[in-house]
Amino acid sequence: MYKNVTEKAADRVVEANHRVLISAVQMYRFVNDLKDPSDIEDLDEYVEGGIENLGPKGDEYKAEYEIEERPDGSLVLVSVAPSGTKFEYEITEKQ
């Protein structure tokens, strides 16, 4: 039961971080004449403490944060929680 509660808490951390990254995308666009970020590192300066310090903490609960280019040319911010739960935000529509 403890592991289940801990995993759900880790998922909520990733979900909250995903919202922070969505805000970072919007700030990046504002500062860069509406240009879209193409790599997660583009958002680093817009996230307090930087991307690498986003949680959840601990090797057992590693999360993944990235910007993916889809086959149709669209860009999507993808955050994957330790449980495998994915949170997605479409940055650009297909070209």
C-alpha atoms as a PDB file:
ATOM      1  CA  MET A   1       0.000   0.000   0.000  1.00  0.00           C
ATOM      2  CA  TYR A   2       2.837   2.422   0.861  1.00  0.00           C
ATOM      3  CA  LYS A   3       4.369   1.936  -2.595  1.00  0.00           C
ATOM      4  CA  ASN A   4       1.006   2.649  -4.268  1.00  0.00           C
ATOM      5  CA  VAL A   5       0.531   5.856  -2.269  1.00  0.00           C
ATOM      6  CA  THR A   6       4.109   6.913  -3.006  1.00  0.00           C
ATOM      7  CA  GLU A   7       3.686   6.249  -6.751  1.00  0.00           C
ATOM      8  CA  LYS A   8       0.482   8.288  -6.841  1.00  0.00           C
ATOM      9  CA  ALA A   9       2.235  11.134  -5.028  1.00  0.00           C
ATOM     10  CA  ALA A  10       5.087  10.954  -7.555  1.00  0.00           C
ATOM     11  CA  ASP A  11       2.541  11.109 -10.399  1.00  0.00           C
ATOM     12  CA  ARG A  12       1.016  14.250  -8.875  1.00  0.00           C
ATOM     13  CA  VAL A  13       4.479  15.842  -8.672  1.00  0.00           C
ATOM     14  CA  VAL A  14       5.034  15.126 -12.374  1.00  0.00           C
ATOM     15  CA  GLU A  15       1.585  16.501 -13.217  1.00  0.00           C
ATOM     16  CA  ALA A  16       2.384  19.724 -11.320  1.00  0.00           C
ATOM     17  CA  ASN A  17       5.780  19.952 -13.030  1.00  0.00           C
ATOM     18  CA  HIS A  18       4.049  19.475 -16.383  1.00  0.00           C
ATOM     19  CA  ARG A  19       1.948  22.568 -15.667  1.00  0.00           C
ATOM     20  CA  VAL A  20       5.148  24.469 -14.772  1.00  0.00           C
ATOM     21  CA  LEU A  21       6.639  23.403 -18.104  1.00  0.00           C
ATOM     22  CA  ILE A  22       3.529  24.565 -19.980  1.00  0.00           C
ATOM     23  CA  SER A  23       4.034  27.987 -18.384  1.00  0.00           C
ATOM     24  CA  ALA A  24       7.707  27.833 -19.388  1.00  0.00           C
ATOM     25  CA  VAL A  25       6.666  27.149 -23.006  1.00  0.00           C
ATOM     26  CA  GLN A  26       4.456  30.240 -22.918  1.00  0.00           C
ATOM     27  CA  MET A  27       7.236  32.392 -21.408  1.00  0.00           C
ATOM     28  CA  TYR A  28       9.710  31.089 -23.991  1.00  0.00           C
ATOM     29  CA  ARG A  29       7.323  32.093 -26.792  1.00  0.00           C
ATOM     30  CA  PHE A  30       6.812  35.553 -25.309  1.00  0.00           C
ATOM     31  CA  VAL A  31      10.551  36.221 -25.047  1.00  0.00           C
ATOM     32  CA  ASN A  32      11.399  34.667 -28.442  1.00  0.00           C
ATOM     33  CA  ASP A  33       8.892  36.406 -30.746  1.00  0.00           C
ATOM     34  CA  LEU A  34       6.403  33.496 -30.619  1.00  0.00           C
ATOM     35  CA  LYS A  35       9.037  30.959 -31.701  1.00  0.00           C
ATOM     36  CA  ASP A  36       8.356  27.483 -30.310  1.00  0.00           C
ATOM     37  CA  PRO A  37      10.912  25.641 -28.186  1.00  0.00           C
ATOM     38  CA  SER A  38      12.225  22.560 -29.976  1.00  0.00           C
ATOM     39  CA  ASP A  39      14.116  20.958 -27.087  1.00  0.00           C
ATOM     40  CA  ILE A  40      13.349  20.628 -23.380  1.00  0.00           C
ATOM     41  CA  GLU A  41      16.628  22.416 -22.588  1.00  0.00           C
ATOM     42  CA  ASP A  42      15.196  25.532 -24.294  1.00  0.00           C
ATOM     43  CA  LEU A  43      12.936  25.845 -21.238  1.00  0.00           C
ATOM     44  CA  ASP A  44      15.668  25.491 -18.615  1.00  0.00           C
ATOM     45  CA  GLU A  45      16.031  29.198 -17.830  1.00  0.00           C
ATOM     46  CA  TYR A  46      12.255  29.530 -17.389  1.00  0.00           C
ATOM     47  CA  VAL A  47      12.070  26.845 -14.687  1.00  0.00           C
ATOM     48  CA  GLU A  48      13.240  27.800 -11.211  1.00  0.00           C
ATOM     49  CA  GLY A  49      16.171  25.546 -10.383  1.00  0.00           C
ATOM     50  CA  GLY A  50      16.320  24.216 -13.955  1.00  0.00           C
ATOM     51  CA  ILE A  51      14.822  21.206 -15.694  1.00  0.00           C
ATOM     52  CA  GLU A  52      17.218  18.711 -14.101  1.00  0.00           C
ATOM     53  CA  ASN A  53      15.948  19.611 -10.630  1.00  0.00           C
ATOM     54  CA  LEU A  54      12.308  18.870 -11.370  1.00  0.00           C
ATOM     55  CA  GLY A  55      11.054  16.054  -9.179  1.00  0.00           C
ATOM     56  CA  PRO A  56      10.043  13.708  -7.953  1.00  0.00           C
ATOM     57  CA  LYS A  57      13.266  13.094  -6.064  1.00  0.00           C
ATOM     58  CA  GLY A  58      14.933   9.715  -5.714  1.00  0.00           C
ATOM     59  CA  ASP A  59      16.276   7.269  -8.279  1.00  0.00           C
ATOM     60  CA  GLU A  60      13.265   5.000  -7.839  1.00  0.00           C
ATOM     61  CA  TYR A  61      10.896   7.749  -8.969  1.00  0.00           C
ATOM     62  CA  LYS A  62      12.621   9.154 -12.054  1.00  0.00           C
ATOM     63  CA  ALA A  63      10.401  11.143 -14.378  1.00  0.00           C
ATOM     64  CA  GLU A  64      11.024  12.041 -18.005  1.00  0.00           C
ATOM     65  CA  TYR A  65      10.401  15.455 -19.506  1.00  0.00           C
ATOM     66  CA  GLU A  66      10.902  16.090 -23.223  1.00  0.00           C
ATOM     67  CA  ILE A  67       9.664  17.831 -26.328  1.00  0.00           C
ATOM     68  CA  GLU A  68       8.837  15.363 -29.091  1.00  0.00           C
ATOM     69  CA  GLU A  69       8.433  16.072 -32.772  1.00  0.00           C
ATOM     70  CA  ARG A  70       5.664  13.923 -34.157  1.00  0.00           C
ATOM     71  CA  PRO A  71       5.689  12.494 -37.707  1.00  0.00           C
ATOM     72  CA  ASP A  72       3.197  15.184 -38.766  1.00  0.00           C
ATOM     73  CA  GLY A  73       5.649  17.927 -37.698  1.00  0.00           C
ATOM     74  CA  SER A  74       3.809  18.952 -34.537  1.00  0.00           C
ATOM     75  CA  LEU A  75       5.704  19.520 -31.292  1.00  0.00           C
ATOM     76  CA  VAL A  76       4.424  18.010 -28.055  1.00  0.00           C
ATOM     77  CA  LEU A  77       5.622  18.514 -24.489  1.00  0.00           C
ATOM     78  CA  VAL A  78       5.591  15.070 -22.864  1.00  0.00           C
ATOM     79  CA  SER A  79       6.021  14.361 -19.163  1.00  0.00           C
ATOM     80  CA  VAL A  80       6.159  10.717 -18.092  1.00  0.00           C
ATOM     81  CA  ALA A  81       5.648   9.817 -14.435  1.00  0.00           C
ATOM     82  CA  PRO A  82       7.445   6.890 -12.780  1.00  0.00           C
ATOM     83  CA  SER A  83       4.241   4.833 -13.064  1.00  0.00           C
ATOM     84  CA  GLY A  84       4.234   5.350 -16.840  1.00  0.00           C
ATOM     85  CA  THR A  85       1.395   7.885 -16.765  1.00  0.00           C
ATOM     86  CA  LYS A  86       1.889  10.423 -19.579  1.00  0.00           C
ATOM     87  CA  PHE A  87       0.925  14.068 -19.576  1.00  0.00           C
ATOM     88  CA  GLU A  88       0.982  15.803 -22.972  1.00  0.00           C
ATOM     89  CA  TYR A  89       0.637  19.380 -24.193  1.00  0.00           C
ATOM     90  CA  GLU A  90       0.542  20.185 -27.896  1.00  0.00           C
ATOM     91  CA  ILE A  91       2.991  23.032 -28.495  1.00  0.00           C
ATOM     92  CA  THR A  92       2.381  23.355 -32.231  1.00  0.00           C
ATOM     93  CA  GLU A  93      -0.117  21.827 -34.552  1.00  0.00           C
ATOM     94  CA  LYS A  94       0.955  19.848 -37.584  1.00  0.00           C
ATOM     95  CA  GLN A  95       2.834  21.823 -40.189  1.00  0.00           C
END
